[in-house]
PDB file of all heavy atoms in Angstrom:
ATOM      1  N   ILE A   1      52.729 -32.868-117.666  1.00  0.00           N
ATOM      2  CA  ILE A   1      53.515 -32.865-116.428  1.00  0.00           C
ATOM      3  C   ILE A   1      54.981 -32.579-116.716  1.00  0.00           C
ATOM      4  O   ILE A   1      55.779 -32.404-115.800  1.00  0.00           O
ATOM      5  CB  ILE A   1      53.348 -34.217-115.694  1.00  0.00           C
ATOM      6  CG1 ILE A   1      51.865 -34.506-115.461  1.00  0.00           C
ATOM      7  CG2 ILE A   1      54.047 -34.217-114.345  1.00  0.00           C
ATOM      8  CD1 ILE A   1      51.600 -35.825-114.786  1.00  0.00           C
ATOM      9  N   ARG A   2      55.346 -32.497-117.966  1.00  0.00           N
ATOM     10  CA  ARG A   2      56.727 -32.157-118.306  1.00  0.00           C
ATOM     11  C   ARG A   2      56.930 -30.648-118.240  1.00  0.00           C
ATOM     12  O   ARG A   2      55.986 -29.873-118.414  1.00  0.00           O
ATOM     13  CB  ARG A   2      57.067 -32.667-119.707  1.00  0.00           C
ATOM     14  CG  ARG A   2      57.045 -34.178-119.834  1.00  0.00           C
ATOM     15  CD  ARG A   2      57.314 -34.611-121.252  1.00  0.00           C
ATOM     16  NE  ARG A   2      57.299 -36.057-121.387  1.00  0.00           N
ATOM     17  CZ  ARG A   2      58.381 -36.829-121.243  1.00  0.00           C
ATOM     18  NH1 ARG A   2      59.551 -36.271-120.971  1.00  0.00           N
ATOM     19  NH2 ARG A   2      58.293 -38.136-121.359  1.00  0.00           N
ATOM     20  N   LEU A   3      58.168 -30.236-117.989  1.00  0.00           N
ATOM     21  CA  LEU A   3      58.493 -28.813-118.002  1.00  0.00           C
ATOM     22  C   LEU A   3      58.654 -28.346-119.439  1.00  0.00           C
ATOM     23  O   LEU A   3      59.341 -28.991-120.237  1.00  0.00           O
ATOM     24  CB  LEU A   3      59.776 -28.554-117.209  1.00  0.00           C
ATOM     25  CG  LEU A   3      59.683 -28.791-115.704  1.00  0.00           C
ATOM     26  CD1 LEU A   3      61.046 -28.587-115.064  1.00  0.00           C
ATOM     27  CD2 LEU A   3      58.669 -27.873-115.056  1.00  0.00           C
ATOM     28  N   ASN A   4      58.056 -27.223-119.736  1.00  0.00           N
ATOM     29  CA  ASN A   4      58.096 -26.665-121.081  1.00  0.00           C
ATOM     30  C   ASN A   4      58.806 -25.321-121.029  1.00  0.00           C
ATOM     31  O   ASN A   4      58.404 -24.419-120.278  1.00  0.00           O
ATOM     32  CB  ASN A   4      56.673 -26.500-121.626  1.00  0.00           C
ATOM     33  CG  ASN A   4      56.639 -26.192-123.107  1.00  0.00           C
ATOM     34  OD1 ASN A   4      57.622 -25.704-123.673  1.00  0.00           O
ATOM     35  ND2 ASN A   4      55.512 -26.466-123.737  1.00  0.00           N
ATOM     36  N   ARG A   5      59.845 -25.178-121.821  1.00  0.00           N
ATOM     37  CA  ARG A   5      60.615 -23.937-121.799  1.00  0.00           C
ATOM     38  C   ARG A   5      59.849 -22.768-122.404  1.00  0.00           C
ATOM     39  O   ARG A   5      60.216 -21.616-122.215  1.00  0.00           O
ATOM     40  CB  ARG A   5      61.943 -24.131-122.532  1.00  0.00           C
ATOM     41  CG  ARG A   5      61.786 -24.325-124.035  1.00  0.00           C
ATOM     42  CD  ARG A   5      63.132 -24.338-124.728  1.00  0.00           C
ATOM     43  NE  ARG A   5      63.883 -25.529-124.402  1.00  0.00           N
ATOM     44  CZ  ARG A   5      65.110 -25.757-124.850  1.00  0.00           C
ATOM     45  NH1 ARG A   5      65.704 -24.871-125.604  1.00  0.00           N
ATOM     46  NH2 ARG A   5      65.743 -26.861-124.524  1.00  0.00           N
ATOM     47  N   ASP A   6      58.775 -23.040-123.144  1.00  0.00           N
ATOM     48  CA  ASP A   6      58.051 -21.975-123.834  1.00  0.00           C
ATOM     49  C   ASP A   6      56.988 -21.314-122.967  1.00  0.00           C
ATOM     50  O   ASP A   6      56.487 -20.249-123.313  1.00  0.00           O
ATOM     51  CB  ASP A   6      57.387 -22.526-125.101  1.00  0.00           C
ATOM     52  CG  ASP A   6      58.416 -23.052-126.096  1.00  0.00           C
ATOM     53  OD1 ASP A   6      59.532 -22.488-126.132  1.00  0.00           O
ATOM     54  OD2 ASP A   6      58.111 -24.031-126.811  1.00  0.00           O
ATOM     55  N   CYS A   7      56.607 -21.938-121.860  1.00  0.00           N
ATOM     56  CA  CYS A   7      55.583 -21.348-120.998  1.00  0.00           C
ATOM     57  C   CYS A   7      55.875 -21.732-119.555  1.00  0.00           C
ATOM     58  O   CYS A   7      56.468 -22.774-119.294  1.00  0.00           O
ATOM     59  CB  CYS A   7      54.180 -21.819-121.412  1.00  0.00           C
ATOM     60  SG  CYS A   7      53.939 -23.600-121.322  1.00  0.00           S
ATOM     61  N   PRO A   8      55.470 -20.885-118.608  1.00  0.00           N
ATOM     62  CA  PRO A   8      55.746 -21.197-117.206  1.00  0.00           C
ATOM     63  C   PRO A   8      54.988 -22.438-116.750  1.00  0.00           C
ATOM     64  O   PRO A   8      53.843 -22.664-117.154  1.00  0.00           O
ATOM     65  CB  PRO A   8      55.269 -19.938-116.465  1.00  0.00           C
ATOM     66  CG  PRO A   8      54.288 -19.299-117.389  1.00  0.00           C
ATOM     67  CD  PRO A   8      54.757 -19.597-118.773  1.00  0.00           C
ATOM     68  N   ALA A   9      55.628 -23.211-115.922  1.00  0.00           N
ATOM     69  CA  ALA A   9      55.023 -24.458-115.440  1.00  0.00           C
ATOM     70  C   ALA A   9      54.203 -24.185-114.187  1.00  0.00           C
ATOM     71  O   ALA A   9      54.522 -23.292-113.394  1.00  0.00           O
ATOM     72  CB  ALA A   9      56.114 -25.485-115.131  1.00  0.00           C
ATOM     73  N   PRO A  10      53.125 -24.952-113.964  1.00  0.00           N
ATOM     74  CA  PRO A  10      52.363 -24.820-112.715  1.00  0.00           C
ATOM     75  C   PRO A  10      53.225 -25.189-111.510  1.00  0.00           C
ATOM     76  O   PRO A  10      54.225 -25.905-111.620  1.00  0.00           O
ATOM     77  CB  PRO A  10      51.204 -25.807-112.904  1.00  0.00           C
ATOM     78  CG  PRO A  10      51.136 -26.075-114.364  1.00  0.00           C
ATOM     79  CD  PRO A  10      52.531 -25.925-114.887  1.00  0.00           C
ATOM     80  N   LYS A  11      52.805 -24.696-110.361  1.00  0.00           N
ATOM     81  CA  LYS A  11      53.569 -24.914-109.132  1.00  0.00           C
ATOM     82  C   LYS A  11      53.705 -26.397-108.810  1.00  0.00           C
ATOM     83  O   LYS A  11      54.778 -26.845-108.385  1.00  0.00           O
ATOM     84  CB  LYS A  11      52.882 -24.190-107.975  1.00  0.00           C
ATOM     85  CG  LYS A  11      53.581 -24.332-106.637  1.00  0.00           C
ATOM     86  CD  LYS A  11      54.807 -23.449-106.558  1.00  0.00           C
ATOM     87  CE  LYS A  11      54.401 -21.995-106.534  1.00  0.00           C
ATOM     88  NZ  LYS A  11      55.569 -21.099-106.357  1.00  0.00           N
ATOM     89  N   ASN A  12      52.661 -27.161-109.016  1.00  0.00           N
ATOM     90  CA  ASN A  12      52.744 -28.580-108.662  1.00  0.00           C
ATOM     91  C   ASN A  12      53.715 -29.329-109.570  1.00  0.00           C
ATOM     92  O   ASN A  12      54.408 -30.243-109.132  1.00  0.00           O
ATOM     93  CB  ASN A  12      51.357 -29.216-108.717  1.00  0.00           C
ATOM     94  CG  ASN A  12      50.723 -29.135-110.100  1.00  0.00           C
ATOM     95  OD1 ASN A  12      51.020 -28.231-110.875  1.00  0.00           O
ATOM     96  ND2 ASN A  12      49.837 -30.064-110.402  1.00  0.00           N
ATOM     97  N   VAL A  13      53.809 -28.935-110.840  1.00  0.00           N
ATOM     98  CA  VAL A  13      54.748 -29.592-111.747  1.00  0.00           C
ATOM     99  C   VAL A  13      56.187 -29.247-111.351  1.00  0.00           C
ATOM    100  O   VAL A  13      57.076 -30.115-111.364  1.00  0.00           O
ATOM    101  CB  VAL A  13      54.461 -29.180-113.201  1.00  0.00           C
ATOM    102  CG1 VAL A  13      55.518 -29.740-114.144  1.00  0.00           C
ATOM    103  CG2 VAL A  13      53.073 -29.660-113.620  1.00  0.00           C
ATOM    104  N   ILE A  14      56.430 -27.996-110.992  1.00  0.00           N
ATOM    105  CA  ILE A  14      57.769 -27.609-110.529  1.00  0.00           C
ATOM    106  C   ILE A  14      58.143 -28.388-109.279  1.00  0.00           C
ATOM    107  O   ILE A  14      59.271 -28.889-109.148  1.00  0.00           O
ATOM    108  CB  ILE A  14      57.817 -26.093-110.268  1.00  0.00           C
ATOM    109  CG1 ILE A  14      57.650 -25.327-111.583  1.00  0.00           C
ATOM    110  CG2 ILE A  14      59.131 -25.700-109.595  1.00  0.00           C
ATOM    111  CD1 ILE A  14      57.571 -23.826-111.413  1.00  0.00           C
ATOM    112  N   SER A  15      57.203 -28.507-108.349  1.00  0.00           N
ATOM    113  CA  SER A  15      57.468 -29.255-107.122  1.00  0.00           C
ATOM    114  C   SER A  15      57.815 -30.704-107.422  1.00  0.00           C
ATOM    115  O   SER A  15      58.717 -31.289-106.803  1.00  0.00           O
ATOM    116  CB  SER A  15      56.245 -29.173-106.201  1.00  0.00           C
ATOM    117  OG  SER A  15      56.411 -29.979-105.056  1.00  0.00           O
ATOM    118  N   LEU A  16      57.124 -31.310-108.392  1.00  0.00           N
ATOM    119  CA  LEU A  16      57.395 -32.697-108.751  1.00  0.00           C
ATOM    120  C   LEU A  16      58.805 -32.861-109.305  1.00  0.00           C
ATOM    121  O   LEU A  16      59.529 -33.801-108.946  1.00  0.00           O
ATOM    122  CB  LEU A  16      56.361 -33.167-109.773  1.00  0.00           C
ATOM    123  CG  LEU A  16      56.490 -34.610-110.263  1.00  0.00           C
ATOM    124  CD1 LEU A  16      56.238 -35.587-109.129  1.00  0.00           C
ATOM    125  CD2 LEU A  16      55.529 -34.874-111.414  1.00  0.00           C
ATOM    126  N   HIS A  17      59.233 -31.945-110.170  1.00  0.00           N
ATOM    127  CA  HIS A  17      60.554 -32.068-110.778  1.00  0.00           C
ATOM    128  C   HIS A  17      61.667 -31.715-109.780  1.00  0.00           C
ATOM    129  O   HIS A  17      62.775 -32.245-109.896  1.00  0.00           O
ATOM    130  CB  HIS A  17      60.634 -31.188-112.016  1.00  0.00           C
ATOM    131  CG  HIS A  17      59.865 -31.746-113.177  1.00  0.00           C
ATOM    132  ND1 HIS A  17      60.411 -32.655-114.056  1.00  0.00           N
ATOM    133  CD2 HIS A  17      58.573 -31.563-113.577  1.00  0.00           C
ATOM    134  CE1 HIS A  17      59.507 -32.988-114.962  1.00  0.00           C
ATOM    135  NE2 HIS A  17      58.382 -32.339-114.695  1.00  0.00           N
ATOM    136  N   LEU A  18      61.367 -30.873-108.827  1.00  0.00           N
ATOM    137  CA  LEU A  18      62.352 -30.621-107.773  1.00  0.00           C
ATOM    138  C   LEU A  18      62.572 -31.879-106.940  1.00  0.00           C
ATOM    139  O   LEU A  18      63.714 -32.198-106.561  1.00  0.00           O
ATOM    140  CB  LEU A  18      61.889 -29.462-106.884  1.00  0.00           C
ATOM    141  CG  LEU A  18      61.987 -28.065-107.488  1.00  0.00           C
ATOM    142  CD1 LEU A  18      61.310 -27.042-106.571  1.00  0.00           C
ATOM    143  CD2 LEU A  18      63.438 -27.670-107.718  1.00  0.00           C
ATOM    144  N   GLN A  19      61.490 -32.590-106.654  1.00  0.00           N
ATOM    145  CA  GLN A  19      61.635 -33.843-105.913  1.00  0.00           C
ATOM    146  C   GLN A  19      62.371 -34.886-106.740  1.00  0.00           C
ATOM    147  O   GLN A  19      63.163 -35.677-106.212  1.00  0.00           O
ATOM    148  CB  GLN A  19      60.255 -34.360-105.497  1.00  0.00           C
ATOM    149  CG  GLN A  19      60.265 -35.686-104.756  1.00  0.00           C
ATOM    150  CD  GLN A  19      61.037 -35.648-103.446  1.00  0.00           C
ATOM    151  OE1 GLN A  19      61.202 -34.588-102.842  1.00  0.00           O
ATOM    152  NE2 GLN A  19      61.520 -36.795-102.999  1.00  0.00           N
ATOM    153  N   PHE A  20      62.138 -34.892-108.048  1.00  0.00           N
ATOM    154  CA  PHE A  20      62.855 -35.801-108.938  1.00  0.00           C
ATOM    155  C   PHE A  20      64.362 -35.520-108.906  1.00  0.00           C
ATOM    156  O   PHE A  20      65.185 -36.436-108.786  1.00  0.00           O
ATOM    157  CB  PHE A  20      62.303 -35.644-110.361  1.00  0.00           C
ATOM    158  CG  PHE A  20      63.142 -36.286-111.427  1.00  0.00           C
ATOM    159  CD1 PHE A  20      63.226 -37.659-111.531  1.00  0.00           C
ATOM    160  CD2 PHE A  20      63.847 -35.513-112.325  1.00  0.00           C
ATOM    161  CE1 PHE A  20      63.998 -38.258-112.515  1.00  0.00           C
ATOM    162  CE2 PHE A  20      64.626 -36.096-113.311  1.00  0.00           C
ATOM    163  CZ  PHE A  20      64.703 -37.470-113.408  1.00  0.00           C
ATOM    164  N   ASN A  21      64.729 -34.242-109.008  1.00  0.00           N
ATOM    165  CA  ASN A  21      66.154 -33.883-108.928  1.00  0.00           C
ATOM    166  C   ASN A  21      66.744 -34.273-107.577  1.00  0.00           C
ATOM    167  O   ASN A  21      67.888 -34.742-107.493  1.00  0.00           O
ATOM    168  CB  ASN A  21      66.323 -32.386-109.159  1.00  0.00           C
ATOM    169  CG  ASN A  21      66.036 -31.982-110.591  1.00  0.00           C
ATOM    170  OD1 ASN A  21      66.105 -32.793-111.499  1.00  0.00           O
ATOM    171  ND2 ASN A  21      65.692 -30.720-110.792  1.00  0.00           N
ATOM    172  N   GLN A  22      65.966 -34.063-106.512  1.00  0.00           N
ATOM    173  CA  GLN A  22      66.453 -34.418-105.184  1.00  0.00           C
ATOM    174  C   GLN A  22      66.690 -35.919-105.075  1.00  0.00           C
ATOM    175  O   GLN A  22      67.646 -36.371-104.434  1.00  0.00           O
ATOM    176  CB  GLN A  22      65.450 -33.961-104.126  1.00  0.00           C
ATOM    177  CG  GLN A  22      65.843 -34.276-102.689  1.00  0.00           C
ATOM    178  CD  GLN A  22      67.088 -33.543-102.248  1.00  0.00           C
ATOM    179  OE1 GLN A  22      67.479 -32.549-102.859  1.00  0.00           O
ATOM    180  NE2 GLN A  22      67.718 -34.007-101.184  1.00  0.00           N
ATOM    181  N   CYS A  23      65.837 -36.701-105.708  1.00  0.00           N
ATOM    182  CA  CYS A  23      65.999 -38.156-105.696  1.00  0.00           C
ATOM    183  C   CYS A  23      67.293 -38.555-106.385  1.00  0.00           C
ATOM    184  O   CYS A  23      68.019 -39.445-105.916  1.00  0.00           O
ATOM    185  CB  CYS A  23      64.794 -38.798-106.369  1.00  0.00           C
ATOM    186  SG  CYS A  23      64.657 -40.571-106.103  1.00  0.00           S
ATOM    187  N   ILE A  24      67.620 -37.894-107.497  1.00  0.00           N
ATOM    188  CA  ILE A  24      68.870 -38.187-108.195  1.00  0.00           C
ATOM    189  C   ILE A  24      70.064 -37.803-107.329  1.00  0.00           C
ATOM    190  O   ILE A  24      71.047 -38.549-107.225  1.00  0.00           O
ATOM    191  CB  ILE A  24      68.907 -37.443-109.541  1.00  0.00           C
ATOM    192  CG1 ILE A  24      67.847 -38.003-110.477  1.00  0.00           C
ATOM    193  CG2 ILE A  24      70.281 -37.541-110.189  1.00  0.00           C
ATOM    194  CD1 ILE A  24      67.672 -37.233-111.746  1.00  0.00           C
ATOM    195  N   MET A  25      69.996 -36.637-106.688  1.00  0.00           N
ATOM    196  CA  MET A  25      71.106 -36.212-105.834  1.00  0.00           C
ATOM    197  C   MET A  25      71.279 -37.150-104.646  1.00  0.00           C
ATOM    198  O   MET A  25      72.406 -37.475-104.255  1.00  0.00           O
ATOM    199  CB  MET A  25      70.873 -34.773-105.360  1.00  0.00           C
ATOM    200  CG  MET A  25      71.095 -33.724-106.442  1.00  0.00           C
ATOM    201  SD  MET A  25      71.025 -32.022-105.823  1.00  0.00           S
ATOM    202  CE  MET A  25      69.259 -31.780-105.710  1.00  0.00           C
ATOM    203  N   LEU A  26      70.176 -37.597-104.068  1.00  0.00           N
ATOM    204  CA  LEU A  26      70.270 -38.541-102.951  1.00  0.00           C
ATOM    205  C   LEU A  26      70.984 -39.817-103.367  1.00  0.00           C
ATOM    206  O   LEU A  26      71.813 -40.357-102.635  1.00  0.00           O
ATOM    207  CB  LEU A  26      68.867 -38.882-102.448  1.00  0.00           C
ATOM    208  CG  LEU A  26      68.245 -38.025-101.360  1.00  0.00           C
ATOM    209  CD1 LEU A  26      66.838 -38.500-101.077  1.00  0.00           C
ATOM    210  CD2 LEU A  26      69.075 -38.053-100.095  1.00  0.00           C
ATOM    211  N   ALA A  27      70.652 -40.302-104.557  1.00  0.00           N
ATOM    212  CA  ALA A  27      71.226 -41.565-105.006  1.00  0.00           C
ATOM    213  C   ALA A  27      72.692 -41.431-105.370  1.00  0.00           C
ATOM    214  O   ALA A  27      73.476 -42.368-105.160  1.00  0.00           O
ATOM    215  CB  ALA A  27      70.430 -42.094-106.201  1.00  0.00           C
ATOM    216  N   SER A  28      73.099 -40.286-105.912  1.00  0.00           N
ATOM    217  CA  SER A  28      74.438 -40.181-106.496  1.00  0.00           C
ATOM    218  C   SER A  28      75.427 -39.339-105.698  1.00  0.00           C
ATOM    219  O   SER A  28      76.626 -39.412-105.950  1.00  0.00           O
ATOM    220  CB  SER A  28      74.332 -39.598-107.912  1.00  0.00           C
ATOM    221  OG  SER A  28      73.651 -38.358-107.898  1.00  0.00           O
ATOM    222  N   ARG A  29      74.967 -38.572-104.721  1.00  0.00           N
ATOM    223  CA  ARG A  29      75.930 -37.691-104.048  1.00  0.00           C
ATOM    224  C   ARG A  29      76.939 -38.436-103.161  1.00  0.00           C
ATOM    225  O   ARG A  29      78.028 -37.889-102.934  1.00  0.00           O
ATOM    226  CB  ARG A  29      75.206 -36.599-103.263  1.00  0.00           C
ATOM    227  CG  ARG A  29      74.453 -37.041-102.034  1.00  0.00           C
ATOM    228  CD  ARG A  29      73.665 -35.879-101.450  1.00  0.00           C
ATOM    229  NE  ARG A  29      72.961 -36.254-100.243  1.00  0.00           N
ATOM    230  CZ  ARG A  29      72.075 -35.476 -99.618  1.00  0.00           C
ATOM    231  NH1 ARG A  29      71.793 -34.291-100.114  1.00  0.00           N
ATOM    232  NH2 ARG A  29      71.484 -35.870 -98.523  1.00  0.00           N
ATOM    233  N   PRO A  30      76.641 -39.644-102.638  1.00  0.00           N
ATOM    234  CA  PRO A  30      77.736 -40.372-101.974  1.00  0.00           C
ATOM    235  C   PRO A  30      78.900 -40.642-102.919  1.00  0.00           C
ATOM    236  O   PRO A  30      80.062 -40.573-102.516  1.00  0.00           O
ATOM    237  CB  PRO A  30      77.069 -41.671-101.505  1.00  0.00           C
ATOM    238  CG  PRO A  30      75.632 -41.336-101.375  1.00  0.00           C
ATOM    239  CD  PRO A  30      75.351 -40.360-102.464  1.00  0.00           C
ATOM    240  N   ILE A  31      78.597 -40.950-104.192  1.00  0.00           N
ATOM    241  CA  ILE A  31      79.652 -41.165-105.176  1.00  0.00           C
ATOM    242  C   ILE A  31      80.396 -39.863-105.444  1.00  0.00           C
ATOM    243  O   ILE A  31      81.622 -39.852-105.595  1.00  0.00           O
ATOM    244  CB  ILE A  31      79.051 -41.728-106.472  1.00  0.00           C
ATOM    245  CG1 ILE A  31      78.474 -43.126-106.232  1.00  0.00           C
ATOM    246  CG2 ILE A  31      80.098 -41.777-107.581  1.00  0.00           C
ATOM    247  CD1 ILE A  31      79.503 -44.174-105.872  1.00  0.00           C
ATOM    248  N   LEU A  32      79.657 -38.749-105.512  1.00  0.00           N
ATOM    249  CA  LEU A  32      80.301 -37.451-105.756  1.00  0.00           C
ATOM    250  C   LEU A  32      81.284 -37.116-104.638  1.00  0.00           C
ATOM    251  O   LEU A  32      82.428 -36.709-104.896  1.00  0.00           O
ATOM    252  CB  LEU A  32      79.233 -36.366-105.877  1.00  0.00           C
ATOM    253  CG  LEU A  32      79.740 -34.948-106.130  1.00  0.00           C
ATOM    254  CD1 LEU A  32      80.375 -34.837-107.509  1.00  0.00           C
ATOM    255  CD2 LEU A  32      78.606 -33.935-105.989  1.00  0.00           C
ATOM    256  N   LEU A  33      80.865 -37.293-103.395  1.00  0.00           N
ATOM    257  CA  LEU A  33      81.767 -37.002-102.276  1.00  0.00           C
ATOM    258  C   LEU A  33      82.920 -37.998-102.240  1.00  0.00           C
ATOM    259  O   LEU A  33      84.059 -37.633-101.920  1.00  0.00           O
ATOM    260  CB  LEU A  33      80.979 -37.037-100.963  1.00  0.00           C
ATOM    261  CG  LEU A  33      81.748 -36.618 -99.708  1.00  0.00           C
ATOM    262  CD1 LEU A  33      82.282 -35.205 -99.847  1.00  0.00           C
ATOM    263  CD2 LEU A  33      80.859 -36.724 -98.473  1.00  0.00           C
TER     264      LEU A  33
END
């Protein structure tokens, strides 16, 4: 389920990591602003 730079990741794995990044941005962007 981890992203591997040596081979393309499946669509579902990319979707999972995009949601993970979004979760980090949700938590921290009030501090950024």
